Protein backbone atom coordinates (compact mmCIF):
# COMPACT_ATOMS: atom_id res chain seq x y z
CA MET A 1 -15.61 -70.82 -18.87
CA GLN A 2 -15.20 -68.16 -16.38
CA ARG A 3 -11.72 -66.30 -16.22
CA LEU A 4 -10.36 -64.88 -13.18
CA THR A 5 -7.11 -63.04 -12.78
CA ILE A 6 -5.20 -63.60 -9.45
CA GLY A 7 -1.76 -62.59 -9.01
CA TYR A 8 0.26 -65.00 -11.23
CA LEU A 9 -2.37 -67.16 -12.23
CA VAL A 10 -5.54 -67.24 -14.39
CA CYS A 11 -7.74 -70.15 -13.86
CA ALA A 12 -10.81 -71.75 -15.29
CA ILE A 13 -13.86 -72.88 -12.93
CA PHE A 14 -14.78 -76.56 -13.65
CA GLY A 15 -18.38 -77.07 -13.14
CA ASP A 16 -19.62 -75.82 -9.84
CA THR A 17 -16.18 -75.88 -8.19
CA ASN A 18 -15.61 -72.90 -5.55
CA LEU A 19 -12.81 -70.94 -6.09
CA ASN A 20 -11.00 -68.70 -3.67
CA THR A 21 -9.86 -65.83 -5.50
CA GLU A 22 -7.72 -64.14 -2.73
CA ALA A 23 -4.18 -64.09 -3.41
CA SER A 24 -1.07 -62.44 -2.06
CA PRO A 25 0.49 -59.79 -4.31
CA SER A 26 2.71 -60.57 -7.20
CA PRO A 27 6.12 -58.87 -7.12
CA LYS A 28 6.01 -55.56 -9.18
CA GLY A 29 6.90 -56.11 -12.80
CA LEU A 30 5.99 -59.96 -12.86
CA SER A 31 2.71 -61.48 -14.25
CA VAL A 32 2.21 -65.05 -15.01
CA THR A 33 -0.90 -66.65 -16.20
CA VAL A 34 -2.38 -70.18 -16.91
CA HIS A 35 -5.52 -70.95 -18.30
CA TRP A 36 -6.90 -74.16 -16.96
CA SER A 37 -9.03 -76.90 -18.76
CA ALA A 38 -9.78 -80.67 -18.09
CA GLY A 39 -8.49 -83.08 -20.80
CA PRO A 40 -9.63 -86.66 -21.12
CA PRO A 41 -8.79 -89.05 -18.43
CA LEU A 42 -6.07 -91.37 -18.28
CA PRO A 43 -7.27 -94.82 -19.57
CA VAL A 44 -5.83 -96.39 -16.12
CA PRO A 45 -5.71 -94.27 -13.08
CA ARG A 46 -2.37 -94.36 -11.28
CA ALA A 47 -0.01 -92.35 -9.17
CA GLY A 48 3.69 -92.47 -8.17
CA HIS A 49 4.33 -92.78 -11.97
CA ALA A 50 7.00 -91.19 -14.21
CA ALA A 51 5.98 -88.34 -16.22
CA GLY A 52 7.53 -86.15 -19.06
CA VAL A 53 7.14 -84.87 -22.60
CA LEU A 54 8.89 -86.46 -25.67
CA ASP A 55 8.34 -85.80 -29.24
CA GLY A 56 5.86 -83.27 -28.32
CA GLU A 57 3.45 -85.92 -26.58
CA PHE A 58 2.90 -86.15 -22.57
CA VAL A 59 4.32 -89.52 -21.53
CA VAL A 60 3.00 -91.20 -18.26
CA ALA A 61 4.88 -94.63 -17.24
CA GLY A 62 4.15 -97.01 -14.59
CA GLY A 63 3.07 -96.06 -11.19
CA THR A 64 0.52 -97.78 -8.80
CA ASN A 65 -3.29 -98.32 -8.79
CA TRP A 66 -5.58 -99.91 -6.56
CA GLN A 67 -8.29 -102.48 -7.22
CA ALA A 68 -10.32 -104.56 -4.90
CA ASP A 69 -8.43 -103.45 -1.97
CA ARG A 70 -5.28 -104.57 -3.81
CA LYS A 71 -2.29 -102.51 -4.80
CA LEU A 72 -1.13 -102.95 -8.32
CA TRP A 73 2.30 -102.10 -9.59
CA LEU A 74 2.12 -100.92 -13.10
CA ALA A 75 4.38 -101.12 -16.44
CA ASP A 76 1.83 -99.82 -18.92
CA VAL A 77 2.76 -96.38 -20.60
CA TYR A 78 0.40 -94.07 -22.18
CA LEU A 79 1.02 -90.96 -24.46
CA TYR A 80 -1.22 -87.75 -24.72
CA SER A 81 -1.27 -86.09 -27.84
CA ALA A 82 -2.56 -82.38 -27.36
CA SER A 83 -3.51 -81.90 -31.00
CA ALA A 84 -5.69 -84.82 -31.15
CA ALA A 85 -6.71 -84.57 -27.56
CA VAL A 86 -6.26 -88.43 -27.25
CA TRP A 87 -4.39 -91.05 -25.35
CA SER A 88 -2.67 -93.84 -27.10
CA ARG A 89 -0.56 -96.70 -25.79
CA GLY A 90 2.99 -96.59 -25.75
CA ARG A 91 5.64 -99.30 -25.13
CA ASP A 92 5.49 -100.92 -21.64
CA LEU A 93 8.30 -100.35 -19.24
CA PRO A 94 10.41 -103.45 -19.26
CA GLY A 95 8.54 -104.37 -15.85
CA PRO A 96 6.61 -102.50 -13.14
CA ARG A 97 8.06 -99.37 -11.78
CA ALA A 98 6.80 -96.78 -9.26
CA TYR A 99 8.24 -93.96 -7.10
CA GLY A 100 11.47 -93.43 -9.12
CA ALA A 101 12.59 -90.00 -10.30
CA SER A 102 11.86 -88.84 -13.99
CA PHE A 103 13.68 -86.50 -16.11
CA VAL A 104 13.61 -85.08 -19.67
CA ALA A 105 16.83 -83.96 -20.96
CA GLY A 106 18.64 -83.76 -24.32
CA GLY A 107 15.42 -85.17 -26.14
CA THR A 108 15.27 -88.28 -23.71
CA PHE A 109 12.97 -89.30 -21.22
CA TYR A 110 14.78 -90.91 -18.12
CA VAL A 111 13.42 -92.89 -15.27
CA ALA A 112 15.93 -93.41 -12.23
CA GLY A 113 15.33 -95.86 -9.43
CA GLY A 114 12.00 -96.64 -7.98
CA THR A 115 10.53 -100.13 -6.89
CA ASP A 116 8.62 -102.75 -8.77
CA GLY A 117 6.78 -103.71 -5.58
CA GLU A 118 9.07 -106.74 -4.87
CA GLY A 119 12.37 -104.98 -4.68
CA ASN A 120 14.09 -101.51 -4.78
CA LEU A 121 15.72 -100.45 -8.22
CA SER A 122 18.82 -98.74 -8.96
CA ASP A 123 19.03 -98.94 -12.80
CA VAL A 124 18.01 -95.78 -15.16
CA LEU A 125 15.86 -96.46 -18.23
CA ALA A 126 15.87 -94.18 -21.03
CA LEU A 127 13.54 -93.63 -23.77
CA ARG A 128 14.60 -91.47 -26.85
CA SER A 129 11.36 -91.50 -28.92
CA ARG A 130 7.77 -92.08 -28.40
CA ALA A 131 8.03 -94.99 -30.79
CA GLY A 132 11.30 -96.36 -29.46
CA PHE A 133 12.27 -98.95 -26.81
CA TRP A 134 13.12 -98.51 -23.23
CA GLU A 135 17.00 -98.94 -22.77
CA SER A 136 18.32 -99.99 -19.65
CA ASN A 137 22.16 -99.26 -20.12
CA ALA A 138 22.03 -95.77 -21.58
CA LEU A 139 23.28 -94.44 -18.20
CA PRO A 140 25.10 -96.00 -15.23
CA ALA A 141 22.99 -97.37 -12.33
CA LEU A 142 22.63 -95.22 -8.98
CA PRO A 143 24.97 -96.19 -6.68
CA GLU A 144 22.47 -97.82 -4.55
CA PRO A 145 18.63 -97.95 -5.12
CA ARG A 146 16.62 -95.06 -4.42
CA VAL A 147 12.94 -94.74 -3.76
CA HIS A 148 10.83 -91.67 -3.45
CA ALA A 149 13.75 -89.18 -4.31
CA ALA A 150 13.27 -85.94 -5.89
CA GLY A 151 14.50 -85.35 -9.08
CA ALA A 152 15.48 -82.15 -11.12
CA VAL A 153 17.20 -81.30 -14.47
CA LEU A 154 19.45 -78.09 -14.74
CA ASP A 155 21.79 -77.23 -17.71
CA SER A 156 21.89 -81.22 -18.66
CA VAL A 157 22.72 -82.24 -15.46
CA LEU A 158 20.40 -84.80 -13.58
CA TYR A 159 19.96 -84.27 -9.80
CA LEU A 160 18.57 -86.87 -7.24
CA ILE A 161 17.74 -85.57 -3.83
CA GLY A 162 17.07 -87.45 -0.76
CA GLY A 163 14.69 -90.55 -1.02
CA THR A 164 15.29 -94.25 0.61
CA ALA A 165 16.88 -97.13 -0.43
CA ASP A 166 13.85 -99.30 0.80
CA VAL A 167 10.43 -98.47 0.07
CA ASN A 168 9.31 -100.25 3.04
CA ASN A 169 11.76 -98.34 5.31
CA LEU A 170 11.02 -94.63 5.10
CA SER A 171 12.92 -94.21 8.35
CA ALA A 172 15.98 -95.00 6.12
CA ALA A 173 15.64 -91.74 4.39
CA THR A 174 18.87 -89.88 3.30
CA THR A 175 20.11 -86.42 2.58
CA THR A 176 22.20 -87.38 -0.21
CA LEU A 177 22.70 -85.47 -3.48
CA LEU A 178 23.34 -87.20 -6.63
CA ARG A 179 24.27 -85.58 -9.81
CA LEU A 180 25.08 -86.81 -13.56
CA ASP A 181 26.34 -84.43 -16.15
CA LEU A 182 24.85 -85.71 -19.46
CA GLY A 183 27.41 -83.36 -21.28
CA GLN A 184 30.55 -85.27 -19.91
CA ARG A 185 32.04 -88.33 -21.72
CA ASP A 186 32.35 -89.99 -18.47
CA ARG A 187 28.71 -90.27 -17.38
CA THR A 188 29.08 -91.10 -13.69
CA TRP A 189 26.80 -90.44 -10.69
CA ARG A 190 28.67 -88.24 -8.37
CA TYR A 191 27.80 -87.03 -4.77
CA GLY A 192 27.53 -83.44 -3.89
CA THR A 193 26.99 -81.68 -0.63
CA PRO A 194 24.03 -83.42 1.23
CA LEU A 195 20.77 -81.43 1.78
CA PRO A 196 20.82 -79.66 5.04
CA GLY A 197 18.13 -80.36 7.60
CA PRO A 198 16.28 -83.81 8.17
CA ALA A 199 16.47 -86.59 5.84
CA ARG A 200 13.35 -86.99 3.56
CA THR A 201 11.34 -88.64 1.19
CA ILE A 202 8.43 -87.35 -1.29
CA SER A 203 9.81 -83.94 -1.63
CA ALA A 204 9.26 -81.62 -4.66
CA ALA A 205 12.55 -80.33 -6.72
CA ALA A 206 12.95 -78.28 -9.81
CA GLY A 207 15.97 -76.55 -11.59
CA CYS A 208 15.22 -72.86 -12.25
CA GLU A 209 17.84 -70.25 -13.81
CA ASP A 210 21.04 -71.08 -12.02
CA ALA A 211 20.08 -73.32 -9.12
CA VAL A 212 18.30 -76.32 -7.95
CA TYR A 213 15.30 -75.94 -5.31
CA VAL A 214 14.00 -78.57 -3.04
CA PHE A 215 10.73 -78.04 -1.11
CA GLY A 216 9.17 -79.86 1.82
CA GLY A 217 8.79 -83.59 1.91
CA TYR A 218 8.15 -86.43 4.65
CA ARG A 219 10.43 -87.72 7.51
CA ILE A 220 9.84 -90.61 9.65
CA ASP A 221 12.03 -91.62 12.65
CA SER A 222 12.87 -94.98 13.93
CA GLY A 223 9.86 -94.97 16.14
CA GLU A 224 7.57 -94.79 12.95
CA THR A 225 6.41 -91.30 13.80
CA GLY A 226 6.15 -89.50 10.58
CA GLU A 227 5.90 -85.79 9.60
CA ASN A 228 5.46 -83.61 6.66
CA LEU A 229 8.14 -80.98 6.29
CA ALA A 230 8.18 -77.14 5.44
CA ASP A 231 11.84 -76.29 4.87
CA ALA A 232 12.96 -75.46 1.49
CA TYR A 233 16.58 -75.04 0.22
CA ARG A 234 18.42 -73.68 -2.93
CA TYR A 235 21.39 -75.47 -4.24
CA SER A 236 24.13 -73.76 -6.24
CA PRO A 237 25.90 -76.23 -8.53
CA VAL A 238 28.81 -73.88 -8.99
CA ARG A 239 29.56 -73.72 -5.26
CA ASP A 240 28.27 -77.01 -4.43
CA GLU A 241 26.42 -75.26 -1.67
CA TRP A 242 22.83 -75.23 -0.07
CA THR A 243 21.22 -72.12 1.18
CA ARG A 244 18.06 -72.32 3.24
CA ILE A 245 15.19 -70.37 1.68
CA ARG A 246 11.81 -69.24 3.04
CA ASP A 247 9.65 -72.33 4.33
CA LEU A 248 6.46 -73.31 2.62
CA PRO A 249 3.48 -71.74 4.35
CA GLN A 250 2.54 -75.35 5.55
CA PRO A 251 4.37 -78.53 5.77
CA VAL A 252 3.45 -80.61 2.62
CA ARG A 253 4.74 -83.81 0.78
CA GLY A 254 4.11 -84.99 -2.69
CA GLN A 255 3.70 -81.65 -4.44
CA SER A 256 3.86 -81.45 -8.18
CA VAL A 257 6.49 -78.88 -9.09
CA ILE A 258 7.29 -77.04 -12.46
CA ALA A 259 9.58 -74.01 -13.05
CA VAL A 260 7.55 -71.73 -15.30
CA SER A 261 10.04 -68.91 -16.02
CA ASN A 262 13.69 -68.20 -14.85
CA ARG A 263 12.10 -66.80 -11.71
CA SER A 264 8.92 -68.58 -10.85
CA ILE A 265 8.28 -72.11 -9.44
CA LEU A 266 4.83 -73.62 -9.45
CA LEU A 267 3.86 -75.93 -6.80
CA LEU A 268 0.58 -78.02 -6.99
CA GLY A 269 -1.31 -79.95 -4.54
CA GLY A 270 0.36 -82.44 -2.22
CA TYR A 271 -0.72 -83.81 1.31
CA SER A 272 -0.36 -80.92 3.78
CA THR A 273 -0.35 -80.41 7.50
CA ALA A 274 -2.55 -77.56 8.97
CA ALA A 275 -3.93 -76.79 12.55
CA ASN A 276 -6.92 -78.75 11.97
CA GLY A 277 -5.04 -81.86 10.59
CA SER A 278 -3.55 -83.18 7.45
CA ALA A 279 -5.23 -83.79 4.14
CA LEU A 280 -4.91 -83.69 0.31
CA SER A 281 -4.34 -80.14 -0.89
CA PRO A 282 -6.06 -78.32 -3.73
CA SER A 283 -3.53 -75.28 -3.16
CA VAL A 284 -1.54 -73.74 -5.65
CA LEU A 285 1.66 -71.58 -4.95
CA VAL A 286 4.34 -69.82 -6.84
CA TYR A 287 7.78 -69.28 -5.36
CA ASP A 288 9.49 -66.36 -6.60
CA THR A 289 13.47 -66.89 -6.64
CA ARG A 290 14.39 -63.47 -6.88
CA HIS A 291 12.43 -62.24 -3.80
CA ASP A 292 12.27 -65.55 -1.63
CA SER A 293 8.59 -65.19 -1.46
CA TYR A 294 5.46 -67.43 -1.96
CA SER A 295 2.26 -66.25 -3.78
CA THR A 296 -1.05 -68.26 -2.66
CA LEU A 297 -3.29 -68.61 -5.69
CA ALA A 298 -6.71 -69.92 -6.54
CA LYS A 299 -7.07 -73.59 -5.47
CA MET A 300 -7.06 -76.29 -8.01
CA PRO A 301 -10.36 -78.17 -8.82
CA LEU A 302 -8.73 -81.30 -7.62
CA HIS A 303 -7.05 -82.46 -4.40
CA VAL A 304 -3.84 -84.90 -5.37
CA MET A 305 -0.55 -85.65 -4.40
CA GLY A 306 1.98 -87.50 -6.39
CA ALA A 307 0.68 -86.48 -9.75
CA GLY A 308 2.86 -86.41 -12.95
CA ALA A 309 3.42 -83.00 -14.16
CA HIS A 310 5.44 -81.39 -16.97
CA LEU A 311 5.86 -78.31 -19.13
CA ALA A 312 6.00 -78.30 -22.93
CA GLY A 313 6.41 -74.97 -24.30
CA ASN A 314 3.91 -72.89 -22.84
CA THR A 315 1.48 -75.75 -21.98
CA LEU A 316 1.34 -77.70 -18.58
CA PHE A 317 0.10 -81.09 -18.13
CA LEU A 318 -0.86 -82.84 -14.94
CA ALA A 319 -2.18 -86.35 -14.67
CA GLY A 320 -3.19 -88.88 -12.07
CA GLY A 321 -2.18 -88.77 -8.66
CA GLU A 322 -3.27 -90.02 -5.08
CA ASP A 323 -6.87 -88.51 -4.54
CA GLY A 324 -7.74 -90.72 -1.43
CA ALA A 325 -6.59 -93.60 0.64
CA ARG A 326 -6.11 -96.52 -1.60
CA HIS A 327 -7.63 -94.65 -4.54
CA ARG A 328 -5.92 -93.26 -7.70
CA SER A 329 -6.95 -90.37 -9.83
CA ALA A 330 -7.31 -90.58 -13.68
CA GLY A 331 -7.67 -86.83 -14.24
CA LEU A 332 -5.86 -85.04 -16.72
CA VAL A 333 -5.51 -81.07 -16.31
CA ILE A 334 -3.98 -78.92 -18.81
CA GLY A 335 -2.92 -75.39 -18.37
CA VAL A 336 -1.84 -72.94 -21.04
CA LEU A 337 0.70 -70.42 -19.87
CA GLY A 338 1.00 -66.93 -20.57
CA ARG A 339 3.74 -64.48 -19.32
CA THR A 340 4.08 -60.64 -19.06
CA TYR A 341 7.24 -59.04 -17.73
């Protein structure tokens, strides 16, 4: 394995993959590295799934797949053990579910909203242990169905931003912000100040230090003309207030997003728009919350959007995703993080 230090990131080259080693300078005093490797593939390819880490294992639940030009809506669940480097079958979801928002908070894995391919969902499922059963009444249902919304966790509060009430009508996207405080006895979804800018779906969101961040997404007007978005925002829960931050370098939807420190947010892949057209992207960015800046890092060895990603301790897991028209990936990428301040 060849090791390359580039700004924030240390990447491994897979096979003959060509890696662009040019990167913008990292802020003084901050260095974040990650050592990448490929893990065993998912037993069933998928995208639009829920993902999280529970009891030390990476959980992948539901999503969609394509077979013989037919879209399949999945309910199966797989667990990845990093110590054994194997996937095992978990307890299925109560029914097929894709394009919901997933959260891990307080030792519980939550999946909110989504669609089963026939209708749009507003309930919230909870899994408290890898061997447990999915609970359908652990939290109140959303005020209305929500599909392709961005989800984030900050200080035991769940946040749900944007999305649409109908998976077949992305022009009905919203700017709504919903939040639920797990620390309160009265666990109720409450509305916050709406997201500025266009209504959107398929954006990326993460909680980092004392704020929630939202990046990019997709908008489509009533004329069915869609576009990726580059705008990004910071939400202060204390002030219930949004602030526009620096735009993404390119419009993009479907990025995987992970806060890797109290100032650094990693943005992976997505479907981006450039001067020569739109394409699935292998790009890796780090957003520095203190300097309001992006670093462009070496490209990933895969091009995906809508991949499930989560951080457990210093290990990042990213699995599946859409890697082509009517095609899903079974890939698993593992990154071991190192940080120097």
